[in-house]
Amino acid sequence: MFEEYKNISIEEAEKKLLELKKEYDDLIKQEKVNDKKIKKGLIFWLFIPVLGLFIYSIILTKRRNLEHNMSSIMSIKEKLVFLELEMQYIETKVLKRGK
């Protein structure tokens, strides 16, 4: 899966790891922006004690399950998981090999 890292030097692995961490942080920011866009205007339902929380959760679930919202959420999550896996591979295999 990560054949490109089998013969990589430690310096290149560290550079690649920094790039991946930066890309990971950018995706986290993108995920937060997307989440804010989905939650927009729902905070007012929380002023009503019990019923407001129930309505808030229902509306939030419906918004997240819309096709365009779900596709953007899933694409970001897929990229995040792949980047996490790649960073873990670099840390465990390549950087430990150099020690």
PDB file of N, CA and C in Angstrom:
ATOM      1  N   MET A   1       0.815  -1.185   0.000  1.00  0.00           N
ATOM      2  CA  MET A   1       0.000   0.000   0.000  1.00  0.00           C
ATOM      3  C   MET A   1       0.869   1.264   0.000  1.00  0.00           C
ATOM      4  N   PHE A   2       1.925   1.251   0.801  1.00  0.00           N
ATOM      5  CA  PHE A   2       2.825   2.395   0.865  1.00  0.00           C
ATOM      6  C   PHE A   2       4.219   1.983   0.405  1.00  0.00           C
ATOM      7  N   GLU A   3       4.313   1.455  -0.799  1.00  0.00           N
ATOM      8  CA  GLU A   3       5.593   0.985  -1.327  1.00  0.00           C
ATOM      9  C   GLU A   3       6.599   2.115  -1.501  1.00  0.00           C
ATOM     10  N   GLU A   4       6.112   3.324  -1.677  1.00  0.00           N
ATOM     11  CA  GLU A   4       7.007   4.458  -1.898  1.00  0.00           C
ATOM     12  C   GLU A   4       7.867   4.775  -0.674  1.00  0.00           C
ATOM     13  N   TYR A   5       7.480   4.269   0.483  1.00  0.00           N
ATOM     14  CA  TYR A   5       8.220   4.564   1.707  1.00  0.00           C
ATOM     15  C   TYR A   5       9.214   3.477   2.093  1.00  0.00           C
ATOM     16  N   LYS A   6       9.331   2.428   1.313  1.00  0.00           N
ATOM     17  CA  LYS A   6      10.241   1.341   1.678  1.00  0.00           C
ATOM     18  C   LYS A   6      11.704   1.745   1.571  1.00  0.00           C
ATOM     19  N   ASN A   7      12.043   2.519   0.569  1.00  0.00           N
ATOM     20  CA  ASN A   7      13.441   2.908   0.352  1.00  0.00           C
ATOM     21  C   ASN A   7      13.632   4.416   0.487  1.00  0.00           C
ATOM     22  N   ILE A   8      12.962   5.009   1.427  1.00  0.00           N
ATOM     23  CA  ILE A   8      13.038   6.458   1.607  1.00  0.00           C
ATOM     24  C   ILE A   8      14.023   6.763   2.743  1.00  0.00           C
ATOM     25  N   SER A   9      14.749   7.854   2.597  1.00  0.00           N
ATOM     26  CA  SER A   9      15.698   8.223   3.653  1.00  0.00           C
ATOM     27  C   SER A   9      14.945   8.847   4.828  1.00  0.00           C
ATOM     28  N   ILE A  10      15.624   8.955   5.939  1.00  0.00           N
ATOM     29  CA  ILE A  10      14.988   9.476   7.147  1.00  0.00           C
ATOM     30  C   ILE A  10      14.642  10.957   6.988  1.00  0.00           C
ATOM     31  N   GLU A  11      15.504  11.719   6.337  1.00  0.00           N
ATOM     32  CA  GLU A  11      15.240  13.142   6.132  1.00  0.00           C
ATOM     33  C   GLU A  11      14.017  13.346   5.243  1.00  0.00           C
ATOM     34  N   GLU A  12      13.933  12.563   4.177  1.00  0.00           N
ATOM     35  CA  GLU A  12      12.776  12.657   3.287  1.00  0.00           C
ATOM     36  C   GLU A  12      11.507  12.224   4.009  1.00  0.00           C
ATOM     37  N   ALA A  13      11.620  11.218   4.865  1.00  0.00           N
ATOM     38  CA  ALA A  13      10.458  10.753   5.625  1.00  0.00           C
ATOM     39  C   ALA A  13       9.972  11.825   6.588  1.00  0.00           C
ATOM     40  N   GLU A  14      10.898  12.523   7.214  1.00  0.00           N
ATOM     41  CA  GLU A  14      10.510  13.599   8.124  1.00  0.00           C
ATOM     42  C   GLU A  14       9.851  14.748   7.373  1.00  0.00           C
ATOM     43  N   LYS A  15      10.379  15.080   6.187  1.00  0.00           N
ATOM     44  CA  LYS A  15       9.766  16.127   5.368  1.00  0.00           C
ATOM     45  C   LYS A  15       8.362  15.722   4.938  1.00  0.00           C
ATOM     46  N   LYS A  16       8.222  14.479   4.504  1.00  0.00           N
ATOM     47  CA  LYS A  16       6.912  13.983   4.074  1.00  0.00           C
ATOM     48  C   LYS A  16       5.933  13.972   5.244  1.00  0.00           C
ATOM     49  N   LEU A  17       6.411  13.620   6.426  1.00  0.00           N
ATOM     50  CA  LEU A  17       5.562  13.604   7.610  1.00  0.00           C
ATOM     51  C   LEU A  17       5.079  15.010   7.954  1.00  0.00           C
ATOM     52  N   LEU A  18       5.951  15.997   7.829  1.00  0.00           N
ATOM     53  CA  LEU A  18       5.543  17.382   8.072  1.00  0.00           C
ATOM     54  C   LEU A  18       4.511  17.847   7.053  1.00  0.00           C
ATOM     55  N   GLU A  19       4.696  17.466   5.784  1.00  0.00           N
ATOM     56  CA  GLU A  19       3.719  17.802   4.743  1.00  0.00           C
ATOM     57  C   GLU A  19       2.366  17.184   5.052  1.00  0.00           C
ATOM     58  N   LEU A  20       2.375  15.922   5.455  1.00  0.00           N
ATOM     59  CA  LEU A  20       1.131  15.228   5.756  1.00  0.00           C
ATOM     60  C   LEU A  20       0.431  15.835   6.968  1.00  0.00           C
ATOM     61  N   LYS A  21       1.198  16.235   7.969  1.00  0.00           N
ATOM     62  CA  LYS A  21       0.595  16.867   9.145  1.00  0.00           C
ATOM     63  C   LYS A  21      -0.034  18.204   8.785  1.00  0.00           C
ATOM     64  N   LYS A  22       0.621  18.950   7.893  1.00  0.00           N
ATOM     65  CA  LYS A  22       0.065  20.230   7.451  1.00  0.00           C
ATOM     66  C   LYS A  22      -1.229  20.006   6.665  1.00  0.00           C
ATOM     67  N   GLU A  23      -1.215  19.026   5.777  1.00  0.00           N
ATOM     68  CA  GLU A  23      -2.419  18.697   5.010  1.00  0.00           C
ATOM     69  C   GLU A  23      -3.529  18.205   5.933  1.00  0.00           C
ATOM     70  N   TYR A  24      -3.168  17.449   6.962  1.00  0.00           N
ATOM     71  CA  TYR A  24      -4.135  16.951   7.937  1.00  0.00           C
ATOM     72  C   TYR A  24      -4.784  18.119   8.687  1.00  0.00           C
ATOM     73  N   ASP A  25      -3.978  19.096   9.098  1.00  0.00           N
ATOM     74  CA  ASP A  25      -4.513  20.270   9.785  1.00  0.00           C
ATOM     75  C   ASP A  25      -5.450  21.063   8.878  1.00  0.00           C
ATOM     76  N   ASP A  26      -5.101  21.180   7.597  1.00  0.00           N
ATOM     77  CA  ASP A  26      -5.973  21.873   6.649  1.00  0.00           C
ATOM     78  C   ASP A  26      -7.313  21.159   6.508  1.00  0.00           C
ATOM     79  N   LEU A  27      -7.283  19.834   6.473  1.00  0.00           N
ATOM     80  CA  LEU A  27      -8.530  19.081   6.373  1.00  0.00           C
ATOM     81  C   LEU A  27      -9.372  19.214   7.637  1.00  0.00           C
ATOM     82  N   ILE A  28      -8.738  19.282   8.787  1.00  0.00           N
ATOM     83  CA  ILE A  28      -9.470  19.488  10.040  1.00  0.00           C
ATOM     84  C   ILE A  28     -10.167  20.848  10.022  1.00  0.00           C
ATOM     85  N   LYS A  29      -9.461  21.881   9.536  1.00  0.00           N
ATOM     86  CA  LYS A  29     -10.074  23.205   9.425  1.00  0.00           C
ATOM     87  C   LYS A  29     -11.248  23.178   8.455  1.00  0.00           C
ATOM     88  N   GLN A  30     -11.081  22.472   7.337  1.00  0.00           N
ATOM     89  CA  GLN A  30     -12.153  22.359   6.353  1.00  0.00           C
ATOM     90  C   GLN A  30     -13.356  21.629   6.956  1.00  0.00           C
ATOM     91  N   GLU A  31     -13.097  20.626   7.767  1.00  0.00           N
ATOM     92  CA  GLU A  31     -14.176  19.893   8.422  1.00  0.00           C
ATOM     93  C   GLU A  31     -14.930  20.791   9.408  1.00  0.00           C
ATOM     94  N   LYS A  32     -14.211  21.631  10.138  1.00  0.00           N
ATOM     95  CA  LYS A  32     -14.851  22.546  11.082  1.00  0.00           C
ATOM     96  C   LYS A  32     -15.713  23.576  10.365  1.00  0.00           C
ATOM     97  N   VAL A  33     -15.219  24.087   9.244  1.00  0.00           N
ATOM     98  CA  VAL A  33     -15.996  25.054   8.463  1.00  0.00           C
ATOM     99  C   VAL A  33     -17.274  24.404   7.947  1.00  0.00           C
ATOM    100  N   ASN A  34     -17.152  23.178   7.465  1.00  0.00           N
ATOM    101  CA  ASN A  34     -18.310  22.448   6.966  1.00  0.00           C
ATOM    102  C   ASN A  34     -19.315  22.207   8.090  1.00  0.00           C
ATOM    103  N   ASP A  35     -18.826  21.868   9.270  1.00  0.00           N
ATOM    104  CA  ASP A  35     -19.699  21.606  10.406  1.00  0.00           C
ATOM    105  C   ASP A  35     -20.408  22.885  10.859  1.00  0.00           C
ATOM    106  N   LYS A  36     -19.696  24.019  10.837  1.00  0.00           N
ATOM    107  CA  LYS A  36     -20.321  25.294  11.193  1.00  0.00           C
ATOM    108  C   LYS A  36     -21.432  25.646  10.212  1.00  0.00           C
ATOM    109  N   LYS A  37     -21.187  25.349   8.929  1.00  0.00           N
ATOM    110  CA  LYS A  37     -22.181  25.645   7.907  1.00  0.00           C
ATOM    111  C   LYS A  37     -23.439  24.804   8.124  1.00  0.00           C
ATOM    112  N   ILE A  38     -23.262  23.558   8.545  1.00  0.00           N
ATOM    113  CA  ILE A  38     -24.406  22.679   8.781  1.00  0.00           C
ATOM    114  C   ILE A  38     -25.177  23.114  10.027  1.00  0.00           C
ATOM    115  N   LYS A  39     -24.471  23.548  11.067  1.00  0.00           N
ATOM    116  CA  LYS A  39     -25.107  23.915  12.335  1.00  0.00           C
ATOM    117  C   LYS A  39     -25.645  25.345  12.358  1.00  0.00           C
ATOM    118  N   LYS A  40     -25.474  26.078  11.277  1.00  0.00           N
ATOM    119  CA  LYS A  40     -25.845  27.484  11.239  1.00  0.00           C
ATOM    120  C   LYS A  40     -27.317  27.683  11.605  1.00  0.00           C
ATOM    121  N   GLY A  41     -27.566  28.526  12.583  1.00  0.00           N
ATOM    122  CA  GLY A  41     -28.924  28.877  12.975  1.00  0.00           C
ATOM    123  C   GLY A  41     -29.596  27.903  13.922  1.00  0.00           C
ATOM    124  N   LEU A  42     -28.944  26.827  14.287  1.00  0.00           N
ATOM    125  CA  LEU A  42     -29.575  25.843  15.167  1.00  0.00           C
ATOM    126  C   LEU A  42     -29.350  26.129  16.645  1.00  0.00           C
ATOM    127  N   ILE A  43     -28.446  27.010  16.983  1.00  0.00           N
ATOM    128  CA  ILE A  43     -28.112  27.261  18.382  1.00  0.00           C
ATOM    129  C   ILE A  43     -29.304  27.834  19.152  1.00  0.00           C
ATOM    130  N   PHE A  44     -30.204  28.505  18.452  1.00  0.00           N
ATOM    131  CA  PHE A  44     -31.353  29.112  19.129  1.00  0.00           C
ATOM    132  C   PHE A  44     -32.314  28.072  19.695  1.00  0.00           C
ATOM    133  N   TRP A  45     -32.306  26.871  19.130  1.00  0.00           N
ATOM    134  CA  TRP A  45     -33.168  25.815  19.657  1.00  0.00           C
ATOM    135  C   TRP A  45     -32.709  25.354  21.038  1.00  0.00           C
ATOM    136  N   LEU A  46     -31.483  25.603  21.389  1.00  0.00           N
ATOM    137  CA  LEU A  46     -30.976  25.160  22.688  1.00  0.00           C
ATOM    138  C   LEU A  46     -31.432  26.050  23.843  1.00  0.00           C
ATOM    139  N   PHE A  47     -32.059  27.184  23.544  1.00  0.00           N
ATOM    140  CA  PHE A  47     -32.585  28.037  24.608  1.00  0.00           C
ATOM    141  C   PHE A  47     -33.834  27.444  25.246  1.00  0.00           C
ATOM    142  N   ILE A  48     -34.533  26.588  24.530  1.00  0.00           N
ATOM    143  CA  ILE A  48     -35.681  25.871  25.094  1.00  0.00           C
ATOM    144  C   ILE A  48     -35.113  24.607  25.739  1.00  0.00           C
ATOM    145  N   PRO A  49     -35.276  24.417  27.033  1.00  0.00           N
ATOM    146  CA  PRO A  49     -34.529  23.377  27.757  1.00  0.00           C
ATOM    147  C   PRO A  49     -34.561  21.969  27.171  1.00  0.00           C
ATOM    148  N   VAL A  50     -35.617  21.231  27.284  1.00  0.00           N
ATOM    149  CA  VAL A  50     -35.611  19.828  26.867  1.00  0.00           C
ATOM    150  C   VAL A  50     -36.063  19.680  25.424  1.00  0.00           C
ATOM    151  N   LEU A  51     -37.135  20.326  25.084  1.00  0.00           N
ATOM    152  CA  LEU A  51     -37.683  20.228  23.737  1.00  0.00           C
ATOM    153  C   LEU A  51     -36.708  20.796  22.706  1.00  0.00           C
ATOM    154  N   GLY A  52     -36.015  21.865  23.067  1.00  0.00           N
ATOM    155  CA  GLY A  52     -35.060  22.484  22.149  1.00  0.00           C
ATOM    156  C   GLY A  52     -33.907  21.562  21.794  1.00  0.00           C
ATOM    157  N   LEU A  53     -33.406  20.819  22.771  1.00  0.00           N
ATOM    158  CA  LEU A  53     -32.323  19.873  22.512  1.00  0.00           C
ATOM    159  C   LEU A  53     -32.790  18.762  21.584  1.00  0.00           C
ATOM    160  N   PHE A  54     -34.007  18.306  21.787  1.00  0.00           N
ATOM    161  CA  PHE A  54     -34.580  17.266  20.934  1.00  0.00           C
ATOM    162  C   PHE A  54     -34.725  17.768  19.497  1.00  0.00           C
ATOM    163  N   ILE A  55     -35.268  18.967  19.332  1.00  0.00           N
ATOM    164  CA  ILE A  55     -35.450  19.545  17.996  1.00  0.00           C
ATOM    165  C   ILE A  55     -34.094  19.814  17.343  1.00  0.00           C
ATOM    166  N   TYR A  56     -33.130  20.323  18.120  1.00  0.00           N
ATOM    167  CA  TYR A  56     -31.780  20.580  17.619  1.00  0.00           C
ATOM    168  C   TYR A  56     -31.160  19.311  17.053  1.00  0.00           C
ATOM    169  N   SER A  57     -31.248  18.220  17.790  1.00  0.00           N
ATOM    170  CA  SER A  57     -30.629  16.972  17.324  1.00  0.00           C
ATOM    171  C   SER A  57     -31.331  16.424  16.088  1.00  0.00           C
ATOM    172  N   ILE A  58     -32.646  16.560  16.012  1.00  0.00           N
ATOM    173  CA  ILE A  58     -33.380  16.075  14.835  1.00  0.00           C
ATOM    174  C   ILE A  58     -32.998  16.878  13.592  1.00  0.00           C
ATOM    175  N   ILE A  59     -33.011  18.194  13.703  1.00  0.00           N
ATOM    176  CA  ILE A  59     -32.689  19.038  12.547  1.00  0.00           C
ATOM    177  C   ILE A  59     -31.237  18.839  12.119  1.00  0.00           C
ATOM    178  N   LEU A  60     -30.327  18.721  13.087  1.00  0.00           N
ATOM    179  CA  LEU A  60     -28.917  18.509  12.766  1.00  0.00           C
ATOM    180  C   LEU A  60     -28.718  17.181  12.037  1.00  0.00           C
ATOM    181  N   THR A  61     -29.395  16.148  12.476  1.00  0.00           N
ATOM    182  CA  THR A  61     -29.298  14.844  11.813  1.00  0.00           C
ATOM    183  C   THR A  61     -29.837  14.917  10.389  1.00  0.00           C
ATOM    184  N   LYS A  62     -30.950  15.603  10.203  1.00  0.00           N
ATOM    185  CA  LYS A  62     -31.514  15.739   8.857  1.00  0.00           C
ATOM    186  C   LYS A  62     -30.575  16.517   7.939  1.00  0.00           C
ATOM    187  N   ARG A  63     -29.967  17.575   8.461  1.00  0.00           N
ATOM    188  CA  ARG A  63     -29.043  18.364   7.637  1.00  0.00           C
ATOM    189  C   ARG A  63     -27.810  17.553   7.259  1.00  0.00           C
ATOM    190  N   ARG A  64     -27.300  16.769   8.194  1.00  0.00           N
ATOM    191  CA  ARG A  64     -26.117  15.961   7.895  1.00  0.00           C
ATOM    192  C   ARG A  64     -26.434  14.846   6.911  1.00  0.00           C
ATOM    193  N   ASN A  65     -27.658  14.379   6.882  1.00  0.00           N
ATOM    194  CA  ASN A  65     -28.024  13.281   5.995  1.00  0.00           C
ATOM    195  C   ASN A  65     -28.425  13.737   4.597  1.00  0.00           C
ATOM    196  N   LEU A  66     -28.450  15.034   4.337  1.00  0.00           N
ATOM    197  CA  LEU A  66     -28.700  15.506   2.978  1.00  0.00           C
ATOM    198  C   LEU A  66     -27.548  15.066   2.083  1.00  0.00           C
ATOM    199  N   GLU A  67     -27.855  14.811   0.829  1.00  0.00           N
ATOM    200  CA  GLU A  67     -26.875  14.220  -0.090  1.00  0.00           C
ATOM    201  C   GLU A  67     -25.609  15.061  -0.238  1.00  0.00           C
ATOM    202  N   HIS A  68     -25.754  16.360  -0.456  1.00  0.00           N
ATOM    203  CA  HIS A  68     -24.559  17.187  -0.669  1.00  0.00           C
ATOM    204  C   HIS A  68     -23.753  17.351   0.621  1.00  0.00           C
ATOM    205  N   ASN A  69     -24.423  17.406   1.760  1.00  0.00           N
ATOM    206  CA  ASN A  69     -23.687  17.486   3.025  1.00  0.00           C
ATOM    207  C   ASN A  69     -22.997  16.169   3.347  1.00  0.00           C
ATOM    208  N   MET A  70     -23.698  15.065   3.112  1.00  0.00           N
ATOM    209  CA  MET A  70     -23.129  13.754   3.429  1.00  0.00           C
ATOM    210  C   MET A  70     -21.916  13.453   2.552  1.00  0.00           C
ATOM    211  N   SER A  71     -21.992  13.825   1.282  1.00  0.00           N
ATOM    212  CA  SER A  71     -20.854  13.547   0.396  1.00  0.00           C
ATOM    213  C   SER A  71     -19.626  14.363   0.792  1.00  0.00           C
ATOM    214  N   SER A  72     -19.832  15.620   1.188  1.00  0.00           N
ATOM    215  CA  SER A  72     -18.681  16.426   1.606  1.00  0.00           C
ATOM    216  C   SER A  72     -18.104  15.921   2.926  1.00  0.00           C
ATOM    217  N   ILE A  73     -18.959  15.511   3.847  1.00  0.00           N
ATOM    218  CA  ILE A  73     -18.487  14.967   5.125  1.00  0.00           C
ATOM    219  C   ILE A  73     -17.703  13.688   4.890  1.00  0.00           C
ATOM    220  N   MET A  74     -18.229  12.808   4.069  1.00  0.00           N
ATOM    221  CA  MET A  74     -17.571  11.519   3.832  1.00  0.00           C
ATOM    222  C   MET A  74     -16.242  11.683   3.104  1.00  0.00           C
ATOM    223  N   SER A  75     -16.170  12.597   2.144  1.00  0.00           N
ATOM    224  CA  SER A  75     -14.905  12.781   1.427  1.00  0.00           C
ATOM    225  C   SER A  75     -13.820  13.321   2.361  1.00  0.00           C
ATOM    226  N   ILE A  76     -14.189  14.242   3.235  1.00  0.00           N
ATOM    227  CA  ILE A  76     -13.216  14.776   4.188  1.00  0.00           C
ATOM    228  C   ILE A  76     -12.773  13.694   5.161  1.00  0.00           C
ATOM    229  N   LYS A  77     -13.720  12.905   5.659  1.00  0.00           N
ATOM    230  CA  LYS A  77     -13.387  11.837   6.614  1.00  0.00           C
ATOM    231  C   LYS A  77     -12.487  10.781   5.968  1.00  0.00           C
ATOM    232  N   GLU A  78     -12.755  10.430   4.707  1.00  0.00           N
ATOM    233  CA  GLU A  78     -11.912   9.447   4.016  1.00  0.00           C
ATOM    234  C   GLU A  78     -10.477   9.949   3.889  1.00  0.00           C
ATOM    235  N   LYS A  79     -10.329  11.207   3.508  1.00  0.00           N
ATOM    236  CA  LYS A  79      -8.990  11.781   3.373  1.00  0.00           C
ATOM    237  C   LYS A  79      -8.273  11.820   4.721  1.00  0.00           C
ATOM    238  N   LEU A  80      -9.012  12.172   5.782  1.00  0.00           N
ATOM    239  CA  LEU A  80      -8.410  12.222   7.111  1.00  0.00           C
ATOM    240  C   LEU A  80      -7.916  10.855   7.561  1.00  0.00           C
ATOM    241  N   VAL A  81      -8.726   9.835   7.337  1.00  0.00           N
ATOM    242  CA  VAL A  81      -8.338   8.486   7.753  1.00  0.00           C
ATOM    243  C   VAL A  81      -7.114   8.015   6.973  1.00  0.00           C
ATOM    244  N   PHE A  82      -7.090   8.264   5.676  1.00  0.00           N
ATOM    245  CA  PHE A  82      -5.949   7.848   4.864  1.00  0.00           C
ATOM    246  C   PHE A  82      -4.672   8.571   5.291  1.00  0.00           C
ATOM    247  N   LEU A  83      -4.782   9.872   5.581  1.00  0.00           N
ATOM    248  CA  LEU A  83      -3.613  10.625   6.028  1.00  0.00           C
ATOM    249  C   LEU A  83      -3.120  10.133   7.388  1.00  0.00           C
ATOM    250  N   GLU A  84      -4.050   9.817   8.290  1.00  0.00           N
ATOM    251  CA  GLU A  84      -3.650   9.279   9.591  1.00  0.00           C
ATOM    252  C   GLU A  84      -2.909   7.961   9.427  1.00  0.00           C
ATOM    253  N   LEU A  85      -3.410   7.114   8.561  1.00  0.00           N
ATOM    254  CA  LEU A  85      -2.772   5.825   8.318  1.00  0.00           C
ATOM    255  C   LEU A  85      -1.375   6.014   7.730  1.00  0.00           C
ATOM    256  N   GLU A  86      -1.255   6.923   6.789  1.00  0.00           N
ATOM    257  CA  GLU A  86       0.038   7.181   6.158  1.00  0.00           C
ATOM    258  C   GLU A  86       1.038   7.762   7.158  1.00  0.00           C
ATOM    259  N   MET A  87       0.565   8.669   8.019  1.00  0.00           N
ATOM    260  CA  MET A  87       1.458   9.240   9.028  1.00  0.00           C
ATOM    261  C   MET A  87       1.906   8.175  10.029  1.00  0.00           C
ATOM    262  N   GLN A  88       1.002   7.303  10.429  1.00  0.00           N
ATOM    263  CA  GLN A  88       1.368   6.231  11.355  1.00  0.00           C
ATOM    264  C   GLN A  88       2.371   5.276  10.721  1.00  0.00           C
ATOM    265  N   TYR A  89       2.190   4.990   9.446  1.00  0.00           N
ATOM    266  CA  TYR A  89       3.123   4.104   8.749  1.00  0.00           C
ATOM    267  C   TYR A  89       4.519   4.715   8.720  1.00  0.00           C
ATOM    268  N   ILE A  90       4.590   5.996   8.394  1.00  0.00           N
ATOM    269  CA  ILE A  90       5.892   6.664   8.340  1.00  0.00           C
ATOM    270  C   ILE A  90       6.540   6.663   9.717  1.00  0.00           C
ATOM    271  N   GLU A  91       5.764   6.981  10.738  1.00  0.00           N
ATOM    272  CA  GLU A  91       6.330   7.040  12.086  1.00  0.00           C
ATOM    273  C   GLU A  91       6.819   5.678  12.559  1.00  0.00           C
ATOM    274  N   THR A  92       6.054   4.635  12.311  1.00  0.00           N
ATOM    275  CA  THR A  92       6.432   3.329  12.850  1.00  0.00           C
ATOM    276  C   THR A  92       7.493   2.632  12.012  1.00  0.00           C
ATOM    277  N   LYS A  93       7.340   2.603  10.720  1.00  0.00           N
ATOM    278  CA  LYS A  93       8.249   1.831   9.868  1.00  0.00           C
ATOM    279  C   LYS A  93       9.527   2.579   9.518  1.00  0.00           C
ATOM    280  N   VAL A  94       9.373   3.774   9.013  1.00  0.00           N
ATOM    281  CA  VAL A  94      10.528   4.486   8.471  1.00  0.00           C
ATOM    282  C   VAL A  94      11.368   5.127   9.572  1.00  0.00           C
ATOM    283  N   LEU A  95      10.732   5.858  10.468  1.00  0.00           N
ATOM    284  CA  LEU A  95      11.506   6.581  11.469  1.00  0.00           C
ATOM    285  C   LEU A  95      12.092   5.649  12.522  1.00  0.00           C
ATOM    286  N   LYS A  96      11.424   4.564  12.841  1.00  0.00           N
ATOM    287  CA  LYS A  96      11.987   3.607  13.794  1.00  0.00           C
ATOM    288  C   LYS A  96      13.112   2.798  13.165  1.00  0.00           C
ATOM    289  N   ARG A  97      13.071   2.653  11.847  1.00  0.00           N
ATOM    290  CA  ARG A  97      14.140   1.948  11.143  1.00  0.00           C
ATOM    291  C   ARG A  97      15.454   2.712  11.267  1.00  0.00           C
ATOM    292  N   GLY A  98      15.363   4.033  11.306  1.00  0.00           N
ATOM    293  CA  GLY A  98      16.555   4.857  11.378  1.00  0.00           C
ATOM    294  C   GLY A  98      17.170   4.931  12.762  1.00  0.00           C
ATOM    295  N   LYS A  99      16.443   4.566  13.780  1.00  0.00           N
ATOM    296  CA  LYS A  99      16.978   4.654  15.151  1.00  0.00           C
ATOM    297  C   LYS A  99      17.785   3.472  15.541  1.00  0.00           C
TER     298      LYS A  99
END
